[in-house]
Amino acid sequence: TRRNAFRYAGAVEAAFLIDEMDVEIIADGIHLPPDLLKLIC
């Protein structure tokens, strides 16, 4: 996201950066399309 023109990593990126963070995903194929499912995995 941008704040005062500067880019910041959001909560999604933090989930990726913190190895021990657990995540739940709604894997119905609609809330998250195949490309995002593959990226999360």
Full PDB file with SEQRES, HELIX, SHEET, SSBOND, CRYST1, ORIGX, SCALE, CONECT and MASTER records, all heavy atoms in Angstrom:
SEQRES   1 A   41  THR ARG ARG ASN ALA PHE ARG TYR ALA GLY ALA VAL GLU          
SEQRES   2 A   41  ALA ALA PHE LEU ILE ASP GLU MET ASP VAL GLU ILE ILE          
SEQRES   3 A   41  ALA ASP GLY ILE HIS LEU PRO PRO ASP LEU LEU LYS LEU          
SEQRES   4 A   41  ILE CYS                                                      
HELIX    1 AA1 ALA A   11  LEU A   17  1                                   7    
HELIX    2 AA2 PRO A   34  ILE A   40  1                                   7    
SHEET    1 AA1 2 ARG A   2  ARG A   3  0                                        
SHEET    2 AA1 2 PHE A   6  ARG A   7 -1                                        
CRYST1    1.000    1.000    1.000  90.00  90.00  90.00 P 1           1          
ORIGX1      1.000000  0.000000  0.000000        0.00000                         
ORIGX2      0.000000  1.000000  0.000000        0.00000                         
ORIGX3      0.000000  0.000000  1.000000        0.00000                         
SCALE1      1.000000  0.000000  0.000000        0.00000                         
SCALE2      0.000000  1.000000  0.000000        0.00000                         
SCALE3      0.000000  0.000000  1.000000        0.00000                         
ATOM      1  N   THR A   1       0.838  -1.200   0.000  1.00  0.00           N  
ATOM      2  CA  THR A   1       0.000   0.000   0.000  1.00  0.00           C  
ATOM      3  C   THR A   1       0.875   1.254   0.000  1.00  0.00           C  
ATOM      4  O   THR A   1       2.080   1.187   0.261  1.00  0.00           O  
ATOM      5  CB  THR A   1      -0.920   0.006   1.242  1.00  0.00           C  
ATOM      6  OG1 THR A   1      -1.859   1.060   1.131  1.00  0.00           O  
ATOM      7  CG2 THR A   1      -0.135   0.142   2.527  1.00  0.00           C  
ATOM      8  N   ARG A   2       0.275   2.393  -0.325  1.00  0.00           N  
ATOM      9  CA  ARG A   2       0.990   3.675  -0.296  1.00  0.00           C  
ATOM     10  C   ARG A   2       0.470   4.553   0.848  1.00  0.00           C  
ATOM     11  O   ARG A   2      -0.734   4.614   1.081  1.00  0.00           O  
ATOM     12  CB  ARG A   2       0.786   4.430  -1.606  1.00  0.00           C  
ATOM     13  CG  ARG A   2       1.617   3.926  -2.769  1.00  0.00           C  
ATOM     14  CD  ARG A   2       1.392   4.820  -3.982  1.00  0.00           C  
ATOM     15  NE  ARG A   2       2.086   4.365  -5.159  1.00  0.00           N  
ATOM     16  CZ  ARG A   2       3.333   4.695  -5.495  1.00  0.00           C  
ATOM     17  NH1 ARG A   2       4.015   5.507  -4.697  1.00  0.00           N  
ATOM     18  NH2 ARG A   2       3.880   4.235  -6.596  1.00  0.00           N  
ATOM     19  N   ARG A   3       1.394   5.205   1.523  1.00  0.00           N  
ATOM     20  CA  ARG A   3       1.067   6.214   2.518  1.00  0.00           C  
ATOM     21  C   ARG A   3       2.018   7.383   2.309  1.00  0.00           C  
ATOM     22  O   ARG A   3       3.245   7.187   2.343  1.00  0.00           O  
ATOM     23  CB  ARG A   3       1.178   5.653   3.939  1.00  0.00           C  
ATOM     24  CG  ARG A   3       0.150   4.571   4.232  1.00  0.00           C  
ATOM     25  CD  ARG A   3       0.190   4.070   5.651  1.00  0.00           C  
ATOM     26  NE  ARG A   3      -0.823   3.034   5.864  1.00  0.00           N  
ATOM     27  CZ  ARG A   3      -1.017   2.409   7.023  1.00  0.00           C  
ATOM     28  NH1 ARG A   3      -0.262   2.708   8.075  1.00  0.00           N  
ATOM     29  NH2 ARG A   3      -1.954   1.492   7.131  1.00  0.00           N  
ATOM     30  N   ASN A   4       1.459   8.573   2.062  1.00  0.00           N  
ATOM     31  CA  ASN A   4       2.275   9.748   1.760  1.00  0.00           C  
ATOM     32  C   ASN A   4       3.256   9.472   0.620  1.00  0.00           C  
ATOM     33  O   ASN A   4       4.424   9.854   0.671  1.00  0.00           O  
ATOM     34  CB  ASN A   4       3.040  10.212   3.007  1.00  0.00           C  
ATOM     35  CG  ASN A   4       2.115  10.638   4.119  1.00  0.00           C  
ATOM     36  OD1 ASN A   4       1.078  11.256   3.876  1.00  0.00           O  
ATOM     37  ND2 ASN A   4       2.474  10.289   5.358  1.00  0.00           N  
ATOM     38  N   ALA A   5       2.736   8.755  -0.386  1.00  0.00           N  
ATOM     39  CA  ALA A   5       3.465   8.437  -1.625  1.00  0.00           C  
ATOM     40  C   ALA A   5       4.477   7.304  -1.467  1.00  0.00           C  
ATOM     41  O   ALA A   5       4.953   6.769  -2.469  1.00  0.00           O  
ATOM     42  CB  ALA A   5       4.165   9.675  -2.195  1.00  0.00           C  
ATOM     43  N   PHE A   6       4.798   6.909  -0.241  1.00  0.00           N  
ATOM     44  CA  PHE A   6       5.763   5.833  -0.021  1.00  0.00           C  
ATOM     45  C   PHE A   6       5.049   4.484   0.015  1.00  0.00           C  
ATOM     46  O   PHE A   6       3.949   4.364   0.553  1.00  0.00           O  
ATOM     47  CB  PHE A   6       6.535   6.049   1.283  1.00  0.00           C  
ATOM     48  CG  PHE A   6       7.461   7.227   1.244  1.00  0.00           C  
ATOM     49  CD1 PHE A   6       7.039   8.469   1.700  1.00  0.00           C  
ATOM     50  CD2 PHE A   6       8.749   7.102   0.744  1.00  0.00           C  
ATOM     51  CE1 PHE A   6       7.885   9.567   1.671  1.00  0.00           C  
ATOM     52  CE2 PHE A   6       9.609   8.187   0.709  1.00  0.00           C  
ATOM     53  CZ  PHE A   6       9.173   9.429   1.162  1.00  0.00           C  
ATOM     54  N   ARG A   7       5.692   3.477  -0.528  1.00  0.00           N  
ATOM     55  CA  ARG A   7       5.140   2.125  -0.498  1.00  0.00           C  
ATOM     56  C   ARG A   7       5.508   1.433   0.810  1.00  0.00           C  
ATOM     57  O   ARG A   7       6.624   1.573   1.310  1.00  0.00           O  
ATOM     58  CB  ARG A   7       5.652   1.288  -1.670  1.00  0.00           C  
ATOM     59  CG  ARG A   7       5.044   1.631  -3.002  1.00  0.00           C  
ATOM     60  CD  ARG A   7       5.413   0.586  -4.049  1.00  0.00           C  
ATOM     61  NE  ARG A   7       4.846   0.925  -5.336  1.00  0.00           N  
ATOM     62  CZ  ARG A   7       5.451   1.653  -6.264  1.00  0.00           C  
ATOM     63  NH1 ARG A   7       6.668   2.130  -6.024  1.00  0.00           N  
ATOM     64  NH2 ARG A   7       4.873   1.906  -7.418  1.00  0.00           N  
ATOM     65  N   TYR A   8       4.544   0.639   1.311  1.00  0.00           N  
ATOM     66  CA  TYR A   8       4.758  -0.155   2.522  1.00  0.00           C  
ATOM     67  C   TYR A   8       4.250  -1.569   2.288  1.00  0.00           C  
ATOM     68  O   TYR A   8       3.215  -1.760   1.636  1.00  0.00           O  
ATOM     69  CB  TYR A   8       4.012   0.449   3.712  1.00  0.00           C  
ATOM     70  CG  TYR A   8       4.536   1.785   4.158  1.00  0.00           C  
ATOM     71  CD1 TYR A   8       4.081   2.965   3.562  1.00  0.00           C  
ATOM     72  CD2 TYR A   8       5.490   1.884   5.169  1.00  0.00           C  
ATOM     73  CE1 TYR A   8       4.554   4.210   3.959  1.00  0.00           C  
ATOM     74  CE2 TYR A   8       5.966   3.124   5.587  1.00  0.00           C  
ATOM     75  CZ  TYR A   8       5.499   4.280   4.975  1.00  0.00           C  
ATOM     76  OH  TYR A   8       5.972   5.496   5.370  1.00  0.00           O  
ATOM     77  N   ALA A   9       4.964  -2.521   2.836  1.00  0.00           N  
ATOM     78  CA  ALA A   9       4.468  -3.896   2.817  1.00  0.00           C  
ATOM     79  C   ALA A   9       3.249  -3.981   3.725  1.00  0.00           C  
ATOM     80  O   ALA A   9       3.211  -3.367   4.801  1.00  0.00           O  
ATOM     81  CB  ALA A   9       5.551  -4.855   3.293  1.00  0.00           C  
ATOM     82  N   GLY A  10       2.245  -4.736   3.297  1.00  0.00           N  
ATOM     83  CA  GLY A  10       1.026  -4.871   4.070  1.00  0.00           C  
ATOM     84  C   GLY A  10       1.003  -6.131   4.922  1.00  0.00           C  
ATOM     85  O   GLY A  10       2.024  -6.818   5.085  1.00  0.00           O  
ATOM     86  N   ALA A  11      -0.169  -6.440   5.435  1.00  0.00           N  
ATOM     87  CA  ALA A  11      -0.324  -7.636   6.268  1.00  0.00           C  
ATOM     88  C   ALA A  11      -0.035  -8.901   5.481  1.00  0.00           C  
ATOM     89  O   ALA A  11       0.547  -9.864   6.007  1.00  0.00           O  
ATOM     90  CB  ALA A  11      -1.736  -7.680   6.844  1.00  0.00           C  
ATOM     91  N   VAL A  12      -0.428  -8.925   4.219  1.00  0.00           N  
ATOM     92  CA  VAL A  12      -0.181 -10.118   3.400  1.00  0.00           C  
ATOM     93  C   VAL A  12       1.312 -10.399   3.297  1.00  0.00           C  
ATOM     94  O   VAL A  12       1.766 -11.538   3.488  1.00  0.00           O  
ATOM     95  CB  VAL A  12      -0.789  -9.944   1.992  1.00  0.00           C  
ATOM     96  CG1 VAL A  12      -0.374 -11.097   1.082  1.00  0.00           C  
ATOM     97  CG2 VAL A  12      -2.308  -9.860   2.068  1.00  0.00           C  
ATOM     98  N   GLU A  13       2.086  -9.347   3.000  1.00  0.00           N  
ATOM     99  CA  GLU A  13       3.531  -9.539   2.884  1.00  0.00           C  
ATOM    100  C   GLU A  13       4.141  -9.945   4.222  1.00  0.00           C  
ATOM    101  O   GLU A  13       5.085 -10.749   4.271  1.00  0.00           O  
ATOM    102  CB  GLU A  13       4.199  -8.260   2.348  1.00  0.00           C  
ATOM    103  CG  GLU A  13       3.912  -7.973   0.885  1.00  0.00           C  
ATOM    104  CD  GLU A  13       2.497  -7.478   0.630  1.00  0.00           C  
ATOM    105  OE1 GLU A  13       1.940  -6.780   1.515  1.00  0.00           O  
ATOM    106  OE2 GLU A  13       1.941  -7.793  -0.439  1.00  0.00           O  
ATOM    107  N   ALA A  14       3.610  -9.416   5.316  1.00  0.00           N  
ATOM    108  CA  ALA A  14       4.115  -9.810   6.639  1.00  0.00           C  
ATOM    109  C   ALA A  14       3.883 -11.288   6.884  1.00  0.00           C  
ATOM    110  O   ALA A  14       4.732 -11.976   7.471  1.00  0.00           O  
ATOM    111  CB  ALA A  14       3.437  -8.977   7.724  1.00  0.00           C  
ATOM    112  N   ALA A  15       2.733 -11.798   6.441  1.00  0.00           N  
ATOM    113  CA  ALA A  15       2.462 -13.235   6.593  1.00  0.00           C  
ATOM    114  C   ALA A  15       3.502 -14.061   5.852  1.00  0.00           C  
ATOM    115  O   ALA A  15       3.892 -15.142   6.304  1.00  0.00           O  
ATOM    116  CB  ALA A  15       1.059 -13.557   6.065  1.00  0.00           C  
ATOM    117  N   PHE A  16       3.968 -13.547   4.713  1.00  0.00           N  
ATOM    118  CA  PHE A  16       4.987 -14.260   3.944  1.00  0.00           C  
ATOM    119  C   PHE A  16       6.367 -14.127   4.566  1.00  0.00           C  
ATOM    120  O   PHE A  16       7.179 -15.061   4.534  1.00  0.00           O  
ATOM    121  CB  PHE A  16       5.022 -13.729   2.511  1.00  0.00           C  
ATOM    122  CG  PHE A  16       3.796 -14.068   1.696  1.00  0.00           C  
ATOM    123  CD1 PHE A  16       3.444 -13.285   0.607  1.00  0.00           C  
ATOM    124  CD2 PHE A  16       3.002 -15.156   2.001  1.00  0.00           C  
ATOM    125  CE1 PHE A  16       2.328 -13.586  -0.160  1.00  0.00           C  
ATOM    126  CE2 PHE A  16       1.882 -15.471   1.252  1.00  0.00           C  
ATOM    127  CZ  PHE A  16       1.542 -14.685   0.164  1.00  0.00           C  
ATOM    128  N   LEU A  17       6.641 -12.966   5.162  1.00  0.00           N  
ATOM    129  CA  LEU A  17       7.969 -12.713   5.720  1.00  0.00           C  
ATOM    130  C   LEU A  17       8.192 -13.406   7.060  1.00  0.00           C  
ATOM    131  O   LEU A  17       9.329 -13.750   7.405  1.00  0.00           O  
ATOM    132  CB  LEU A  17       8.187 -11.208   5.874  1.00  0.00           C  
ATOM    133  CG  LEU A  17       8.378 -10.441   4.555  1.00  0.00           C  
ATOM    134  CD1 LEU A  17       8.272  -8.937   4.789  1.00  0.00           C  
ATOM    135  CD2 LEU A  17       9.719 -10.788   3.923  1.00  0.00           C  
ATOM    136  N   ILE A  18       7.128 -13.597   7.831  1.00  0.00           N  
ATOM    137  CA  ILE A  18       7.256 -14.279   9.132  1.00  0.00           C  
ATOM    138  C   ILE A  18       7.045 -15.773   8.900  1.00  0.00           C  
ATOM    139  O   ILE A  18       5.921 -16.245   8.713  1.00  0.00           O  
ATOM    140  CB  ILE A  18       6.230 -13.741  10.145  1.00  0.00           C  
ATOM    141  CG1 ILE A  18       6.402 -12.231  10.334  1.00  0.00           C  
ATOM    142  CG2 ILE A  18       6.384 -14.459  11.486  1.00  0.00           C  
ATOM    143  CD1 ILE A  18       5.318 -11.583  11.179  1.00  0.00           C  
ATOM    144  N   ASP A  19       8.112 -16.523   8.891  1.00  0.00           N  
ATOM    145  CA  ASP A  19       8.033 -17.946   8.548  1.00  0.00           C  
ATOM    146  C   ASP A  19       7.072 -18.704   9.442  1.00  0.00           C  
ATOM    147  O   ASP A  19       6.358 -19.607   8.999  1.00  0.00           O  
ATOM    148  CB  ASP A  19       9.422 -18.586   8.644  1.00  0.00           C  
ATOM    149  CG  ASP A  19      10.374 -18.104   7.561  1.00  0.00           C  
ATOM    150  OD1 ASP A  19       9.880 -17.592   6.523  1.00  0.00           O  
ATOM    151  OD2 ASP A  19      11.606 -18.217   7.753  1.00  0.00           O  
ATOM    152  N   GLU A  20       7.032 -18.343  10.738  1.00  0.00           N  
ATOM    153  CA  GLU A  20       6.231 -19.106  11.690  1.00  0.00           C  
ATOM    154  C   GLU A  20       4.764 -18.689  11.715  1.00  0.00           C  
ATOM    155  O   GLU A  20       3.964 -19.306  12.432  1.00  0.00           O  
ATOM    156  CB  GLU A  20       6.813 -18.951  13.101  1.00  0.00           C  
ATOM    157  CG  GLU A  20       8.227 -19.503  13.273  1.00  0.00           C  
ATOM    158  CD  GLU A  20       9.291 -18.510  12.803  1.00  0.00           C  
ATOM    159  OE1 GLU A  20       8.913 -17.373  12.432  1.00  0.00           O  
ATOM    160  OE2 GLU A  20      10.477 -18.872  12.807  1.00  0.00           O  
ATOM    161  N   MET A  21       4.397 -17.669  10.974  1.00  0.00           N  
ATOM    162  CA  MET A  21       3.003 -17.228  10.955  1.00  0.00           C  
ATOM    163  C   MET A  21       2.133 -18.267  10.250  1.00  0.00           C  
ATOM    164  O   MET A  21       2.381 -18.632   9.107  1.00  0.00           O  
ATOM    165  CB  MET A  21       2.862 -15.891  10.241  1.00  0.00           C  
ATOM    166  CG  MET A  21       1.438 -15.352  10.167  1.00  0.00           C  
ATOM    167  SD  MET A  21       0.805 -14.752  11.758  1.00  0.00           S  
ATOM    168  CE  MET A  21       1.589 -13.130  11.839  1.00  0.00           C  
ATOM    169  N   ASP A  22       1.096 -18.742  10.949  1.00  0.00           N  
ATOM    170  CA  ASP A  22       0.121 -19.643  10.330  1.00  0.00           C  
ATOM    171  C   ASP A  22      -0.938 -18.814   9.610  1.00  0.00           C  
ATOM    172  O   ASP A  22      -1.264 -17.702  10.043  1.00  0.00           O  
ATOM    173  CB  ASP A  22      -0.559 -20.516  11.393  1.00  0.00           C  
ATOM    174  CG  ASP A  22       0.383 -21.523  12.011  1.00  0.00           C  
ATOM    175  OD1 ASP A  22       1.214 -22.091  11.284  1.00  0.00           O  
ATOM    176  OD2 ASP A  22       0.289 -21.756  13.237  1.00  0.00           O  
ATOM    177  N   VAL A  23      -1.457 -19.354   8.530  1.00  0.00           N  
ATOM    178  CA  VAL A  23      -2.510 -18.658   7.788  1.00  0.00           C  
ATOM    179  C   VAL A  23      -3.632 -19.632   7.471  1.00  0.00           C  
ATOM    180  O   VAL A  23      -3.395 -20.824   7.266  1.00  0.00           O  
ATOM    181  CB  VAL A  23      -1.979 -18.029   6.476  1.00  0.00           C  
ATOM    182  CG1 VAL A  23      -0.870 -17.032   6.768  1.00  0.00           C  
ATOM    183  CG2 VAL A  23      -1.499 -19.089   5.488  1.00  0.00           C  
ATOM    184  N   GLU A  24      -4.856 -19.106   7.460  1.00  0.00           N  
ATOM    185  CA  GLU A  24      -5.964 -19.881   6.929  1.00  0.00           C  
ATOM    186  C   GLU A  24      -6.375 -19.259   5.598  1.00  0.00           C  
ATOM    187  O   GLU A  24      -6.275 -18.037   5.413  1.00  0.00           O  
ATOM    188  CB  GLU A  24      -7.151 -19.917   7.900  1.00  0.00           C  
ATOM    189  CG  GLU A  24      -7.712 -18.552   8.251  1.00  0.00           C  
ATOM    190  CD  GLU A  24      -9.137 -18.594   8.798  1.00  0.00           C  
ATOM    191  OE1 GLU A  24      -9.374 -19.285   9.787  1.00  0.00           O  
ATOM    192  OE2 GLU A  24     -10.010 -17.892   8.225  1.00  0.00           O  
ATOM    193  N   ILE A  25      -6.805 -20.092   4.660  1.00  0.00           N  
ATOM    194  CA  ILE A  25      -7.227 -19.592   3.358  1.00  0.00           C  
ATOM    195  C   ILE A  25      -8.563 -20.219   2.969  1.00  0.00           C  
ATOM    196  O   ILE A  25      -8.835 -21.381   3.265  1.00  0.00           O  
ATOM    197  CB  ILE A  25      -6.178 -19.863   2.258  1.00  0.00           C  
ATOM    198  CG1 ILE A  25      -5.894 -21.358   2.104  1.00  0.00           C  
ATOM    199  CG2 ILE A  25      -4.893 -19.104   2.557  1.00  0.00           C  
ATOM    200  CD1 ILE A  25      -4.965 -21.689   0.943  1.00  0.00           C  
ATOM    201  N   ILE A  26      -9.396 -19.399   2.329  1.00  0.00           N  
ATOM    202  CA  ILE A  26     -10.676 -19.882   1.811  1.00  0.00           C  
ATOM    203  C   ILE A  26     -10.407 -20.419   0.404  1.00  0.00           C  
ATOM    204  O   ILE A  26     -10.422 -19.677  -0.576  1.00  0.00           O  
ATOM    205  CB  ILE A  26     -11.728 -18.760   1.775  1.00  0.00           C  
ATOM    206  CG1 ILE A  26     -11.834 -18.064   3.126  1.00  0.00           C  
ATOM    207  CG2 ILE A  26     -13.084 -19.325   1.363  1.00  0.00           C  
ATOM    208  CD1 ILE A  26     -12.667 -16.797   3.104  1.00  0.00           C  
ATOM    209  N   ALA A  27     -10.153 -21.693   0.317  1.00  0.00           N  
ATOM    210  CA  ALA A  27      -9.712 -22.305  -0.940  1.00  0.00           C  
ATOM    211  C   ALA A  27     -10.894 -22.824  -1.756  1.00  0.00           C  
ATOM    212  O   ALA A  27     -10.945 -23.991  -2.149  1.00  0.00           O  
ATOM    213  CB  ALA A  27      -8.717 -23.428  -0.660  1.00  0.00           C  
ATOM    214  N   ASP A  28     -11.839 -21.916  -2.023  1.00  0.00           N  
ATOM    215  CA  ASP A  28     -12.986 -22.320  -2.831  1.00  0.00           C  
ATOM    216  C   ASP A  28     -12.769 -22.062  -4.316  1.00  0.00           C  
ATOM    217  O   ASP A  28     -13.640 -22.327  -5.145  1.00  0.00           O  
ATOM    218  CB  ASP A  28     -14.263 -21.612  -2.362  1.00  0.00           C  
ATOM    219  CG  ASP A  28     -14.162 -20.091  -2.418  1.00  0.00           C  
ATOM    220  OD1 ASP A  28     -13.094 -19.578  -2.808  1.00  0.00           O  
ATOM    221  OD2 ASP A  28     -15.151 -19.416  -2.070  1.00  0.00           O  
ATOM    222  N   GLY A  29     -11.584 -21.498  -4.656  1.00  0.00           N  
ATOM    223  CA  GLY A  29     -11.294 -21.194  -6.043  1.00  0.00           C  
ATOM    224  C   GLY A  29     -11.883 -19.874  -6.499  1.00  0.00           C  
ATOM    225  O   GLY A  29     -11.702 -19.477  -7.648  1.00  0.00           O  
ATOM    226  N   ILE A  30     -12.589 -19.169  -5.605  1.00  0.00           N  
ATOM    227  CA  ILE A  30     -13.218 -17.889  -5.935  1.00  0.00           C  
ATOM    228  C   ILE A  30     -12.624 -16.775  -5.075  1.00  0.00           C  
ATOM    229  O   ILE A  30     -12.171 -15.756  -5.592  1.00  0.00           O  
ATOM    230  CB  ILE A  30     -14.741 -17.971  -5.749  1.00  0.00           C  
ATOM    231  CG1 ILE A  30     -15.321 -19.025  -6.706  1.00  0.00           C  
ATOM    232  CG2 ILE A  30     -15.392 -16.610  -5.995  1.00  0.00           C  
ATOM    233  CD1 ILE A  30     -16.794 -19.268  -6.539  1.00  0.00           C  
ATOM    234  N   HIS A  31     -12.622 -16.950  -3.771  1.00  0.00           N  
ATOM    235  CA  HIS A  31     -11.993 -15.951  -2.907  1.00  0.00           C  
ATOM    236  C   HIS A  31     -10.523 -15.777  -3.286  1.00  0.00           C  
ATOM    237  O   HIS A  31      -9.992 -14.668  -3.223  1.00  0.00           O  
ATOM    238  CB  HIS A  31     -12.101 -16.369  -1.441  1.00  0.00           C  
ATOM    239  CG  HIS A  31     -13.439 -16.079  -0.834  1.00  0.00           C  
ATOM    240  ND1 HIS A  31     -14.542 -16.866  -1.070  1.00  0.00           N  
ATOM    241  CD2 HIS A  31     -13.853 -15.092   0.002  1.00  0.00           C  
ATOM    242  CE1 HIS A  31     -15.579 -16.377  -0.408  1.00  0.00           C  
ATOM    243  NE2 HIS A  31     -15.190 -15.297   0.248  1.00  0.00           N  
ATOM    244  N   LEU A  32      -9.870 -16.869  -3.627  1.00  0.00           N  
ATOM    245  CA  LEU A  32      -8.476 -16.836  -4.068  1.00  0.00           C  
ATOM    246  C   LEU A  32      -8.367 -17.617  -5.379  1.00  0.00           C  
ATOM    247  O   LEU A  32      -8.658 -18.810  -5.410  1.00  0.00           O  
ATOM    248  CB  LEU A  32      -7.554 -17.455  -3.025  1.00  0.00           C  
ATOM    249  CG  LEU A  32      -7.477 -16.737  -1.670  1.00  0.00           C  
ATOM    250  CD1 LEU A  32      -6.701 -17.579  -0.667  1.00  0.00           C  
ATOM    251  CD2 LEU A  32      -6.847 -15.361  -1.812  1.00  0.00           C  
ATOM    252  N   PRO A  33      -7.947 -16.968  -6.455  1.00  0.00           N  
ATOM    253  CA  PRO A  33      -7.798 -17.676  -7.727  1.00  0.00           C  
ATOM    254  C   PRO A  33      -6.591 -18.605  -7.700  1.00  0.00           C  
ATOM    255  O   PRO A  33      -5.747 -18.517  -6.793  1.00  0.00           O  
ATOM    256  CB  PRO A  33      -7.614 -16.536  -8.735  1.00  0.00           C  
ATOM    257  CG  PRO A  33      -7.017 -15.426  -7.927  1.00  0.00           C  
ATOM    258  CD  PRO A  33      -7.626 -15.542  -6.560  1.00  0.00           C  
ATOM    259  N   PRO A  34      -6.470 -19.496  -8.672  1.00  0.00           N  
ATOM    260  CA  PRO A  34      -5.388 -20.489  -8.667  1.00  0.00           C  
ATOM    261  C   PRO A  34      -3.991 -19.898  -8.499  1.00  0.00           C  
ATOM    262  O   PRO A  34      -3.165 -20.448  -7.765  1.00  0.00           O  
ATOM    263  CB  PRO A  34      -5.547 -21.184 -10.018  1.00  0.00           C  
ATOM    264  CG  PRO A  34      -7.002 -21.086 -10.318  1.00  0.00           C  
ATOM    265  CD  PRO A  34      -7.423 -19.742  -9.781  1.00  0.00           C  
ATOM    266  N   ASP A  35      -3.690 -18.757  -9.152  1.00  0.00           N  
ATOM    267  CA  ASP A  35      -2.354 -18.188  -9.047  1.00  0.00           C  
ATOM    268  C   ASP A  35      -2.011 -17.797  -7.614  1.00  0.00           C  
ATOM    269  O   ASP A  35      -0.877 -17.982  -7.159  1.00  0.00           O  
ATOM    270  CB  ASP A  35      -2.221 -16.962  -9.962  1.00  0.00           C  
ATOM    271  CG  ASP A  35      -2.117 -17.349 -11.431  1.00  0.00           C  
ATOM    272  OD1 ASP A  35      -1.868 -18.536 -11.719  1.00  0.00           O  
ATOM    273  OD2 ASP A  35      -2.295 -16.461 -12.285  1.00  0.00           O  
ATOM    274  N   LEU A  36      -2.980 -17.243  -6.891  1.00  0.00           N  
ATOM    275  CA  LEU A  36      -2.712 -16.875  -5.498  1.00  0.00           C  
ATOM    276  C   LEU A  36      -2.607 -18.099  -4.605  1.00  0.00           C  
ATOM    277  O   LEU A  36      -1.805 -18.114  -3.658  1.00  0.00           O  
ATOM    278  CB  LEU A  36      -3.785 -15.914  -4.986  1.00  0.00           C  
ATOM    279  CG  LEU A  36      -3.727 -14.485  -5.518  1.00  0.00           C  
ATOM    280  CD1 LEU A  36      -4.800 -13.618  -4.863  1.00  0.00           C  
ATOM    281  CD2 LEU A  36      -2.351 -13.862  -5.315  1.00  0.00           C  
ATOM    282  N   LEU A  37      -3.402 -19.116  -4.869  1.00  0.00           N  
ATOM    283  CA  LEU A  37      -3.273 -20.364  -4.106  1.00  0.00           C  
ATOM    284  C   LEU A  37      -1.865 -20.942  -4.276  1.00  0.00           C  
ATOM    285  O   LEU A  37      -1.230 -21.372  -3.306  1.00  0.00           O  
ATOM    286  CB  LEU A  37      -4.323 -21.376  -4.565  1.00  0.00           C  
ATOM    287  CG  LEU A  37      -5.783 -21.032  -4.270  1.00  0.00           C  
ATOM    288  CD1 LEU A  37      -6.710 -22.072  -4.901  1.00  0.00           C  
ATOM    289  CD2 LEU A  37      -6.043 -20.933  -2.771  1.00  0.00           C  
ATOM    290  N   LYS A  38      -1.373 -20.931  -5.504  1.00  0.00           N  
ATOM    291  CA  LYS A  38      -0.024 -21.454  -5.774  1.00  0.00           C  
ATOM    292  C   LYS A  38       1.032 -20.592  -5.096  1.00  0.00           C  
ATOM    293  O   LYS A  38       2.021 -21.103  -4.551  1.00  0.00           O  
ATOM    294  CB  LYS A  38       0.211 -21.505  -7.280  1.00  0.00           C  
ATOM    295  CG  LYS A  38      -0.638 -22.535  -8.002  1.00  0.00           C  
ATOM    296  CD  LYS A  38      -0.450 -22.437  -9.514  1.00  0.00           C  
ATOM    297  CE  LYS A  38      -1.367 -23.409 -10.255  1.00  0.00           C  
ATOM    298  NZ  LYS A  38      -1.249 -23.288 -11.723  1.00  0.00           N  
ATOM    299  N   LEU A  39       0.840 -19.267  -5.130  1.00  0.00           N  
ATOM    300  CA  LEU A  39       1.803 -18.364  -4.497  1.00  0.00           C  
ATOM    301  C   LEU A  39       1.864 -18.600  -2.994  1.00  0.00           C  
ATOM    302  O   LEU A  39       2.960 -18.681  -2.408  1.00  0.00           O  
ATOM    303  CB  LEU A  39       1.415 -16.911  -4.778  1.00  0.00           C  
ATOM    304  CG  LEU A  39       2.272 -15.836  -4.089  1.00  0.00           C  
ATOM    305  CD1 LEU A  39       3.713 -15.897  -4.573  1.00  0.00           C  
ATOM    306  CD2 LEU A  39       1.685 -14.447  -4.311  1.00  0.00           C  
ATOM    307  N   ILE A  40       0.720 -18.719  -2.354  1.00  0.00           N  
ATOM    308  CA  ILE A  40       0.697 -18.956  -0.907  1.00  0.00           C  
ATOM    309  C   ILE A  40       1.421 -20.249  -0.567  1.00  0.00           C  
ATOM    310  O   ILE A  40       2.224 -20.304   0.375  1.00  0.00           O  
ATOM    311  CB  ILE A  40      -0.751 -18.990  -0.392  1.00  0.00           C  
ATOM    312  CG1 ILE A  40      -1.409 -17.612  -0.558  1.00  0.00           C  
ATOM    313  CG2 ILE A  40      -0.794 -19.406   1.082  1.00  0.00           C  
ATOM    314  CD1 ILE A  40      -2.914 -17.635  -0.383  1.00  0.00           C  
ATOM    315  N   CYS A  41       1.159 -21.297  -1.325  1.00  0.00           N  
ATOM    316  CA  CYS A  41       1.819 -22.578  -1.071  1.00  0.00           C  
ATOM    317  C   CYS A  41       3.326 -22.471  -1.290  1.00  0.00           C  
ATOM    318  O   CYS A  41       4.126 -23.033  -0.525  1.00  0.00           O  
ATOM    319  CB  CYS A  41       1.244 -23.657  -1.985  1.00  0.00           C  
ATOM    320  SG  CYS A  41      -0.453 -24.120  -1.612  1.00  0.00           S  
TER     321      CYS A  41                                                      
MASTER        0    0    0    2    2    0    0    6  320    1    0    4          
END                                                                             
